[in-house]
Protein backbone atom coordinates (compact mmCIF):
# COMPACT_ATOMS: atom_id res chain seq x y z
CA UNK A 1 0.00 0.00 0.00
CA UNK A 2 2.91 2.35 0.69
CA UNK A 3 3.95 2.14 -2.97
CA UNK A 4 0.41 2.89 -4.16
CA UNK A 5 0.11 5.90 -1.83
CA UNK A 6 3.59 7.17 -2.73
CA UNK A 7 2.98 6.96 -6.47
CA UNK A 8 -0.40 8.66 -6.18
CA UNK A 9 1.07 11.61 -4.30
CA UNK A 10 4.17 11.88 -6.47
CA UNK A 11 6.44 10.79 -3.63
CA UNK A 12 9.40 8.50 -3.40
CA UNK A 13 9.25 6.08 -0.50
CA UNK A 14 12.04 4.90 1.73
CA UNK A 15 11.77 2.19 4.36
CA UNK A 16 13.75 2.99 7.51
CA UNK A 17 14.59 0.25 9.95
CA UNK A 18 15.61 0.38 13.57
CA UNK A 19 16.09 -2.33 16.18
CA UNK A 20 12.51 -2.15 17.43
CA UNK A 21 10.49 -1.14 14.37
CA UNK A 22 10.50 0.15 10.85
CA UNK A 23 8.61 2.91 9.08
CA UNK A 24 7.98 4.33 5.63
CA UNK A 25 9.22 7.79 4.77
CA UNK A 26 7.43 9.64 1.97
CA UNK A 27 9.65 12.15 0.18
CA UNK A 28 8.16 14.66 -2.20
CA UNK A 29 7.36 18.25 -3.05
CA UNK A 30 5.33 20.64 -0.90
CA UNK A 31 2.67 19.14 1.34
CA UNK A 32 2.54 15.85 -0.60
CA UNK A 33 4.66 13.81 1.88
CA UNK A 34 2.60 14.93 4.86
CA UNK A 35 -0.68 14.17 3.10
CA UNK A 36 0.67 10.84 1.85
CA UNK A 37 1.65 9.94 5.42
CA UNK A 38 -1.84 10.83 6.61
CA UNK A 39 -3.49 8.79 3.84
CA UNK A 40 -1.23 5.81 4.52
CA UNK A 41 -1.94 5.82 8.26
CA UNK A 42 -5.70 6.12 7.79
CA UNK A 43 -5.89 3.44 5.12
CA UNK A 44 -3.51 1.06 6.92
CA UNK A 45 -5.67 1.24 10.03
CA UNK A 46 -8.77 0.41 7.95
CA UNK A 47 -6.96 -2.39 6.10
CA UNK A 48 -5.75 -4.01 9.31
CA UNK A 49 -9.26 -3.92 10.72
CA UNK A 50 -10.77 -5.37 7.53
CA UNK A 51 -8.11 -8.10 7.41
CA UNK A 52 -8.75 -9.11 11.01
CA UNK A 53 -12.51 -9.21 10.44
CA UNK A 54 -12.04 -11.27 7.28
CA UNK A 55 -9.77 -13.77 9.01
CA UNK A 56 -12.14 -14.11 11.94
CA UNK A 57 -15.15 -14.59 9.67
CA UNK A 58 -13.75 -16.63 6.78
CA UNK A 59 -10.57 -18.37 7.89
CA UNK A 60 -11.61 -20.16 11.06
CA UNK A 61 -10.98 -23.69 9.87
CA UNK A 62 -7.83 -23.15 7.82
CA UNK A 63 -4.30 -24.14 8.69
CA UNK A 64 -2.04 -21.16 9.49
CA UNK A 65 -0.33 -21.12 6.08
CA UNK A 66 -3.68 -21.03 4.24
CA UNK A 67 -5.05 -18.41 6.64
CA UNK A 68 -2.09 -16.13 5.94
CA UNK A 69 -2.27 -16.73 2.17
CA UNK A 70 -5.97 -15.89 2.04
CA UNK A 71 -5.52 -12.83 4.24
CA UNK A 72 -2.68 -11.61 2.00
CA UNK A 73 -4.86 -12.04 -1.08
CA UNK A 74 -7.70 -10.23 0.69
CA UNK A 75 -5.33 -7.32 1.37
CA UNK A 76 -4.13 -7.30 -2.23
CA UNK A 77 -7.72 -7.01 -3.45
CA UNK A 78 -8.43 -4.31 -0.85
CA UNK A 79 -5.47 -2.20 -2.01
CA UNK A 80 -6.50 -2.66 -5.66
CA UNK A 81 -9.95 -1.29 -4.85
CA UNK A 82 -8.57 1.65 -2.85
CA UNK A 83 -5.98 2.67 -5.48
CA UNK A 84 -8.44 4.74 -7.50
CA UNK A 85 -9.71 6.48 -4.34
CA UNK A 86 -6.14 7.36 -3.41
CA UNK A 87 -5.46 8.77 -6.88
CA UNK A 88 -8.60 10.94 -6.74
CA UNK A 89 -7.72 12.11 -3.23
CA UNK A 90 -4.12 12.96 -4.14
CA UNK A 91 -4.57 15.15 -7.19
CA UNK A 92 -0.97 16.31 -6.75
CA UNK A 93 1.51 17.55 -9.27
CA UNK A 94 4.74 15.63 -9.60
CA UNK A 95 8.04 17.49 -9.68
CA UNK A 96 10.22 14.59 -10.79
CA UNK A 97 13.37 16.54 -11.68
CA UNK A 98 13.67 18.19 -8.28
CA UNK A 99 12.75 14.94 -6.53
CA UNK A 100 15.36 12.94 -8.48
CA UNK A 101 18.05 15.51 -7.68
CA UNK A 102 17.12 15.48 -3.98
CA UNK A 103 17.11 11.67 -3.83
CA UNK A 104 20.49 11.49 -5.61
CA UNK A 105 21.99 13.97 -3.14
CA UNK A 106 20.44 12.80 0.13
CA UNK A 107 19.95 9.08 -0.53
CA UNK A 108 22.80 8.23 -2.87
CA UNK A 109 23.71 5.04 -0.99
CA UNK A 110 20.14 3.79 -0.72
CA UNK A 111 19.70 0.06 -1.24
CA UNK A 112 16.74 -1.55 -2.94
CA UNK A 113 14.22 -3.29 -0.74
CA UNK A 114 13.43 -6.69 -2.16
CA UNK A 115 9.75 -7.47 -2.00
CA UNK A 116 8.55 -10.90 -1.10
CA UNK A 117 5.67 -12.56 -2.91
CA UNK A 118 4.30 -15.29 -0.68
CA UNK A 119 2.10 -16.49 -3.55
CA UNK A 120 4.99 -17.07 -6.00
CA UNK A 121 5.03 -20.57 -7.40
CA UNK A 122 1.77 -21.56 -5.76
CA UNK A 123 -1.35 -22.41 -7.65
CA UNK A 124 -4.39 -20.53 -6.48
CA UNK A 125 -7.46 -22.32 -5.29
CA UNK A 126 -11.07 -21.19 -5.56
CA UNK A 127 -11.01 -19.92 -1.99
CA UNK A 128 -8.00 -17.78 -2.89
CA UNK A 129 -9.90 -16.09 -5.73
CA UNK A 130 -12.79 -15.54 -3.36
CA UNK A 131 -10.43 -13.95 -0.82
CA UNK A 132 -9.10 -11.49 -3.41
CA UNK A 133 -12.62 -10.62 -4.53
CA UNK A 134 -13.78 -10.19 -0.92
CA UNK A 135 -10.87 -7.80 -0.34
CA UNK A 136 -11.78 -5.82 -3.44
CA UNK A 137 -15.39 -5.54 -2.30
CA UNK A 138 -14.32 -4.51 1.20
CA UNK A 139 -11.89 -1.93 -0.18
CA UNK A 140 -14.73 -0.16 -1.97
CA UNK A 141 -16.01 0.88 1.47
CA UNK A 142 -12.72 2.47 2.55
CA UNK A 143 -12.99 6.08 3.71
CA UNK A 144 -10.37 8.75 3.06
CA UNK A 145 -11.32 12.33 3.90
CA UNK A 146 -9.34 15.53 3.52
CA UNK A 147 -7.84 16.78 6.76
CA UNK A 148 -8.52 20.19 8.26
CA UNK A 149 -5.81 22.84 7.94
CA UNK A 150 -2.69 22.67 5.84
CA UNK A 151 0.95 23.53 5.60
CA UNK A 152 2.61 26.08 3.35
CA UNK A 153 4.46 24.79 0.30
CA UNK A 154 8.09 24.02 0.89
CA UNK A 155 10.48 22.84 -1.82
CA UNK A 156 10.98 19.39 -0.33
CA UNK A 157 9.73 18.00 2.91
CA UNK A 158 9.78 14.69 4.68
CA UNK A 159 7.01 12.73 6.29
CA UNK A 160 7.12 9.34 7.95
CA UNK A 161 4.77 6.81 9.31
CA UNK A 162 5.41 3.81 11.51
CA UNK A 163 5.41 0.45 9.79
CA UNK A 164 2.64 -1.41 11.53
CA UNK A 165 2.65 -5.14 11.12
C-alpha atoms as a PDB file:
ATOM      1  CA  UNK A   1       0.000   0.000   0.000  1.00  0.00           C
ATOM      2  CA  UNK A   2       2.908   2.349   0.685  1.00  0.00           C
ATOM      3  CA  UNK A   3       3.950   2.145  -2.971  1.00  0.00           C
ATOM      4  CA  UNK A   4       0.407   2.887  -4.158  1.00  0.00           C
ATOM      5  CA  UNK A   5       0.113   5.903  -1.831  1.00  0.00           C
ATOM      6  CA  UNK A   6       3.590   7.175  -2.732  1.00  0.00           C
ATOM      7  CA  UNK A   7       2.984   6.963  -6.471  1.00  0.00           C
ATOM      8  CA  UNK A   8      -0.401   8.657  -6.183  1.00  0.00           C
ATOM      9  CA  UNK A   9       1.069  11.606  -4.298  1.00  0.00           C
ATOM     10  CA  UNK A  10       4.169  11.881  -6.475  1.00  0.00           C
ATOM     11  CA  UNK A  11       6.442  10.793  -3.633  1.00  0.00           C
ATOM     12  CA  UNK A  12       9.400   8.498  -3.401  1.00  0.00           C
ATOM     13  CA  UNK A  13       9.247   6.083  -0.501  1.00  0.00           C
ATOM     14  CA  UNK A  14      12.043   4.896   1.733  1.00  0.00           C
ATOM     15  CA  UNK A  15      11.772   2.187   4.357  1.00  0.00           C
ATOM     16  CA  UNK A  16      13.753   2.992   7.509  1.00  0.00           C
ATOM     17  CA  UNK A  17      14.587   0.249   9.954  1.00  0.00           C
ATOM     18  CA  UNK A  18      15.615   0.378  13.575  1.00  0.00           C
ATOM     19  CA  UNK A  19      16.090  -2.330  16.182  1.00  0.00           C
ATOM     20  CA  UNK A  20      12.512  -2.148  17.431  1.00  0.00           C
ATOM     21  CA  UNK A  21      10.493  -1.135  14.369  1.00  0.00           C
ATOM     22  CA  UNK A  22      10.498   0.152  10.847  1.00  0.00           C
ATOM     23  CA  UNK A  23       8.611   2.915   9.084  1.00  0.00           C
ATOM     24  CA  UNK A  24       7.979   4.326   5.635  1.00  0.00           C
ATOM     25  CA  UNK A  25       9.217   7.790   4.773  1.00  0.00           C
ATOM     26  CA  UNK A  26       7.426   9.636   1.975  1.00  0.00           C
ATOM     27  CA  UNK A  27       9.654  12.153   0.180  1.00  0.00           C
ATOM     28  CA  UNK A  28       8.159  14.663  -2.203  1.00  0.00           C
ATOM     29  CA  UNK A  29       7.359  18.250  -3.053  1.00  0.00           C
ATOM     30  CA  UNK A  30       5.334  20.643  -0.900  1.00  0.00           C
ATOM     31  CA  UNK A  31       2.672  19.144   1.338  1.00  0.00           C
ATOM     32  CA  UNK A  32       2.536  15.851  -0.598  1.00  0.00           C
ATOM     33  CA  UNK A  33       4.657  13.810   1.882  1.00  0.00           C
ATOM     34  CA  UNK A  34       2.603  14.935   4.857  1.00  0.00           C
ATOM     35  CA  UNK A  35      -0.677  14.169   3.101  1.00  0.00           C
ATOM     36  CA  UNK A  36       0.673  10.836   1.848  1.00  0.00           C
ATOM     37  CA  UNK A  37       1.654   9.936   5.415  1.00  0.00           C
ATOM     38  CA  UNK A  38      -1.842  10.828   6.607  1.00  0.00           C
ATOM     39  CA  UNK A  39      -3.489   8.791   3.839  1.00  0.00           C
ATOM     40  CA  UNK A  40      -1.232   5.811   4.516  1.00  0.00           C
ATOM     41  CA  UNK A  41      -1.945   5.823   8.262  1.00  0.00           C
ATOM     42  CA  UNK A  42      -5.697   6.124   7.794  1.00  0.00           C
ATOM     43  CA  UNK A  43      -5.887   3.435   5.121  1.00  0.00           C
ATOM     44  CA  UNK A  44      -3.513   1.065   6.923  1.00  0.00           C
ATOM     45  CA  UNK A  45      -5.668   1.238  10.031  1.00  0.00           C
ATOM     46  CA  UNK A  46      -8.770   0.412   7.947  1.00  0.00           C
ATOM     47  CA  UNK A  47      -6.958  -2.391   6.096  1.00  0.00           C
ATOM     48  CA  UNK A  48      -5.747  -4.012   9.311  1.00  0.00           C
ATOM     49  CA  UNK A  49      -9.263  -3.922  10.725  1.00  0.00           C
ATOM     50  CA  UNK A  50     -10.769  -5.368   7.526  1.00  0.00           C
ATOM     51  CA  UNK A  51      -8.113  -8.100   7.405  1.00  0.00           C
ATOM     52  CA  UNK A  52      -8.748  -9.110  11.015  1.00  0.00           C
ATOM     53  CA  UNK A  53     -12.512  -9.214  10.440  1.00  0.00           C
ATOM     54  CA  UNK A  54     -12.042 -11.270   7.278  1.00  0.00           C
ATOM     55  CA  UNK A  55      -9.774 -13.772   9.006  1.00  0.00           C
ATOM     56  CA  UNK A  56     -12.140 -14.110  11.938  1.00  0.00           C
ATOM     57  CA  UNK A  57     -15.153 -14.587   9.673  1.00  0.00           C
ATOM     58  CA  UNK A  58     -13.754 -16.626   6.777  1.00  0.00           C
ATOM     59  CA  UNK A  59     -10.571 -18.374   7.890  1.00  0.00           C
ATOM     60  CA  UNK A  60     -11.606 -20.159  11.062  1.00  0.00           C
ATOM     61  CA  UNK A  61     -10.978 -23.687   9.874  1.00  0.00           C
ATOM     62  CA  UNK A  62      -7.829 -23.148   7.821  1.00  0.00           C
ATOM     63  CA  UNK A  63      -4.298 -24.143   8.689  1.00  0.00           C
ATOM     64  CA  UNK A  64      -2.044 -21.158   9.492  1.00  0.00           C
ATOM     65  CA  UNK A  65      -0.332 -21.116   6.076  1.00  0.00           C
ATOM     66  CA  UNK A  66      -3.685 -21.028   4.241  1.00  0.00           C
ATOM     67  CA  UNK A  67      -5.047 -18.413   6.645  1.00  0.00           C
ATOM     68  CA  UNK A  68      -2.091 -16.125   5.936  1.00  0.00           C
ATOM     69  CA  UNK A  69      -2.272 -16.735   2.168  1.00  0.00           C
ATOM     70  CA  UNK A  70      -5.974 -15.893   2.043  1.00  0.00           C
ATOM     71  CA  UNK A  71      -5.519 -12.826   4.235  1.00  0.00           C
ATOM     72  CA  UNK A  72      -2.679 -11.607   1.999  1.00  0.00           C
ATOM     73  CA  UNK A  73      -4.864 -12.042  -1.083  1.00  0.00           C
ATOM     74  CA  UNK A  74      -7.696 -10.235   0.693  1.00  0.00           C
ATOM     75  CA  UNK A  75      -5.327  -7.322   1.370  1.00  0.00           C
ATOM     76  CA  UNK A  76      -4.131  -7.299  -2.227  1.00  0.00           C
ATOM     77  CA  UNK A  77      -7.717  -7.007  -3.454  1.00  0.00           C
ATOM     78  CA  UNK A  78      -8.425  -4.315  -0.853  1.00  0.00           C
ATOM     79  CA  UNK A  79      -5.471  -2.196  -2.009  1.00  0.00           C
ATOM     80  CA  UNK A  80      -6.496  -2.658  -5.662  1.00  0.00           C
ATOM     81  CA  UNK A  81      -9.953  -1.289  -4.846  1.00  0.00           C
ATOM     82  CA  UNK A  82      -8.569   1.648  -2.854  1.00  0.00           C
ATOM     83  CA  UNK A  83      -5.976   2.669  -5.476  1.00  0.00           C
ATOM     84  CA  UNK A  84      -8.443   4.743  -7.504  1.00  0.00           C
ATOM     85  CA  UNK A  85      -9.711   6.476  -4.338  1.00  0.00           C
ATOM     86  CA  UNK A  86      -6.143   7.365  -3.407  1.00  0.00           C
ATOM     87  CA  UNK A  87      -5.459   8.773  -6.878  1.00  0.00           C
ATOM     88  CA  UNK A  88      -8.598  10.939  -6.739  1.00  0.00           C
ATOM     89  CA  UNK A  89      -7.724  12.107  -3.226  1.00  0.00           C
ATOM     90  CA  UNK A  90      -4.123  12.957  -4.142  1.00  0.00           C
ATOM     91  CA  UNK A  91      -4.570  15.151  -7.190  1.00  0.00           C
ATOM     92  CA  UNK A  92      -0.972  16.311  -6.750  1.00  0.00           C
ATOM     93  CA  UNK A  93       1.512  17.545  -9.268  1.00  0.00           C
ATOM     94  CA  UNK A  94       4.743  15.634  -9.601  1.00  0.00           C
ATOM     95  CA  UNK A  95       8.042  17.490  -9.682  1.00  0.00           C
ATOM     96  CA  UNK A  96      10.222  14.587 -10.786  1.00  0.00           C
ATOM     97  CA  UNK A  97      13.367  16.544 -11.681  1.00  0.00           C
ATOM     98  CA  UNK A  98      13.669  18.194  -8.278  1.00  0.00           C
ATOM     99  CA  UNK A  99      12.751  14.942  -6.527  1.00  0.00           C
ATOM    100  CA  UNK A 100      15.359  12.943  -8.480  1.00  0.00           C
ATOM    101  CA  UNK A 101      18.046  15.513  -7.677  1.00  0.00           C
ATOM    102  CA  UNK A 102      17.123  15.480  -3.982  1.00  0.00           C
ATOM    103  CA  UNK A 103      17.112  11.674  -3.833  1.00  0.00           C
ATOM    104  CA  UNK A 104      20.493  11.485  -5.608  1.00  0.00           C
ATOM    105  CA  UNK A 105      21.993  13.968  -3.144  1.00  0.00           C
ATOM    106  CA  UNK A 106      20.438  12.799   0.128  1.00  0.00           C
ATOM    107  CA  UNK A 107      19.946   9.080  -0.525  1.00  0.00           C
ATOM    108  CA  UNK A 108      22.795   8.227  -2.872  1.00  0.00           C
ATOM    109  CA  UNK A 109      23.708   5.039  -0.988  1.00  0.00           C
ATOM    110  CA  UNK A 110      20.137   3.791  -0.725  1.00  0.00           C
ATOM    111  CA  UNK A 111      19.698   0.060  -1.243  1.00  0.00           C
ATOM    112  CA  UNK A 112      16.736  -1.554  -2.943  1.00  0.00           C
ATOM    113  CA  UNK A 113      14.224  -3.292  -0.739  1.00  0.00           C
ATOM    114  CA  UNK A 114      13.428  -6.689  -2.164  1.00  0.00           C
ATOM    115  CA  UNK A 115       9.749  -7.468  -2.001  1.00  0.00           C
ATOM    116  CA  UNK A 116       8.554 -10.901  -1.096  1.00  0.00           C
ATOM    117  CA  UNK A 117       5.674 -12.560  -2.905  1.00  0.00           C
ATOM    118  CA  UNK A 118       4.301 -15.290  -0.679  1.00  0.00           C
ATOM    119  CA  UNK A 119       2.104 -16.494  -3.549  1.00  0.00           C
ATOM    120  CA  UNK A 120       4.985 -17.066  -5.997  1.00  0.00           C
ATOM    121  CA  UNK A 121       5.031 -20.572  -7.401  1.00  0.00           C
ATOM    122  CA  UNK A 122       1.767 -21.559  -5.761  1.00  0.00           C
ATOM    123  CA  UNK A 123      -1.352 -22.414  -7.653  1.00  0.00           C
ATOM    124  CA  UNK A 124      -4.391 -20.525  -6.483  1.00  0.00           C
ATOM    125  CA  UNK A 125      -7.464 -22.317  -5.288  1.00  0.00           C
ATOM    126  CA  UNK A 126     -11.074 -21.193  -5.562  1.00  0.00           C
ATOM    127  CA  UNK A 127     -11.012 -19.916  -1.991  1.00  0.00           C
ATOM    128  CA  UNK A 128      -8.001 -17.779  -2.891  1.00  0.00           C
ATOM    129  CA  UNK A 129      -9.896 -16.092  -5.725  1.00  0.00           C
ATOM    130  CA  UNK A 130     -12.795 -15.539  -3.358  1.00  0.00           C
ATOM    131  CA  UNK A 131     -10.435 -13.952  -0.822  1.00  0.00           C
ATOM    132  CA  UNK A 132      -9.101 -11.494  -3.406  1.00  0.00           C
ATOM    133  CA  UNK A 133     -12.620 -10.621  -4.527  1.00  0.00           C
ATOM    134  CA  UNK A 134     -13.784 -10.187  -0.915  1.00  0.00           C
ATOM    135  CA  UNK A 135     -10.874  -7.801  -0.343  1.00  0.00           C
ATOM    136  CA  UNK A 136     -11.780  -5.825  -3.441  1.00  0.00           C
ATOM    137  CA  UNK A 137     -15.394  -5.539  -2.299  1.00  0.00           C
ATOM    138  CA  UNK A 138     -14.325  -4.514   1.204  1.00  0.00           C
ATOM    139  CA  UNK A 139     -11.888  -1.933  -0.183  1.00  0.00           C
ATOM    140  CA  UNK A 140     -14.726  -0.162  -1.972  1.00  0.00           C
ATOM    141  CA  UNK A 141     -16.013   0.879   1.468  1.00  0.00           C
ATOM    142  CA  UNK A 142     -12.716   2.474   2.550  1.00  0.00           C
ATOM    143  CA  UNK A 143     -12.986   6.076   3.713  1.00  0.00           C
ATOM    144  CA  UNK A 144     -10.371   8.749   3.063  1.00  0.00           C
ATOM    145  CA  UNK A 145     -11.315  12.329   3.901  1.00  0.00           C
ATOM    146  CA  UNK A 146      -9.339  15.526   3.515  1.00  0.00           C
ATOM    147  CA  UNK A 147      -7.837  16.780   6.760  1.00  0.00           C
ATOM    148  CA  UNK A 148      -8.519  20.190   8.260  1.00  0.00           C
ATOM    149  CA  UNK A 149      -5.812  22.840   7.943  1.00  0.00           C
ATOM    150  CA  UNK A 150      -2.692  22.672   5.837  1.00  0.00           C
ATOM    151  CA  UNK A 151       0.954  23.531   5.602  1.00  0.00           C
ATOM    152  CA  UNK A 152       2.606  26.084   3.347  1.00  0.00           C
ATOM    153  CA  UNK A 153       4.460  24.794   0.296  1.00  0.00           C
ATOM    154  CA  UNK A 154       8.095  24.018   0.892  1.00  0.00           C
ATOM    155  CA  UNK A 155      10.484  22.844  -1.822  1.00  0.00           C
ATOM    156  CA  UNK A 156      10.981  19.387  -0.326  1.00  0.00           C
ATOM    157  CA  UNK A 157       9.727  18.001   2.914  1.00  0.00           C
ATOM    158  CA  UNK A 158       9.782  14.692   4.682  1.00  0.00           C
ATOM    159  CA  UNK A 159       7.012  12.726   6.289  1.00  0.00           C
ATOM    160  CA  UNK A 160       7.119   9.345   7.945  1.00  0.00           C
ATOM    161  CA  UNK A 161       4.769   6.807   9.311  1.00  0.00           C
ATOM    162  CA  UNK A 162       5.411   3.814  11.515  1.00  0.00           C
ATOM    163  CA  UNK A 163       5.408   0.448   9.786  1.00  0.00           C
ATOM    164  CA  UNK A 164       2.636  -1.414  11.526  1.00  0.00           C
ATOM    165  CA  UNK A 165       2.650  -5.145  11.124  1.00  0.00           C
END
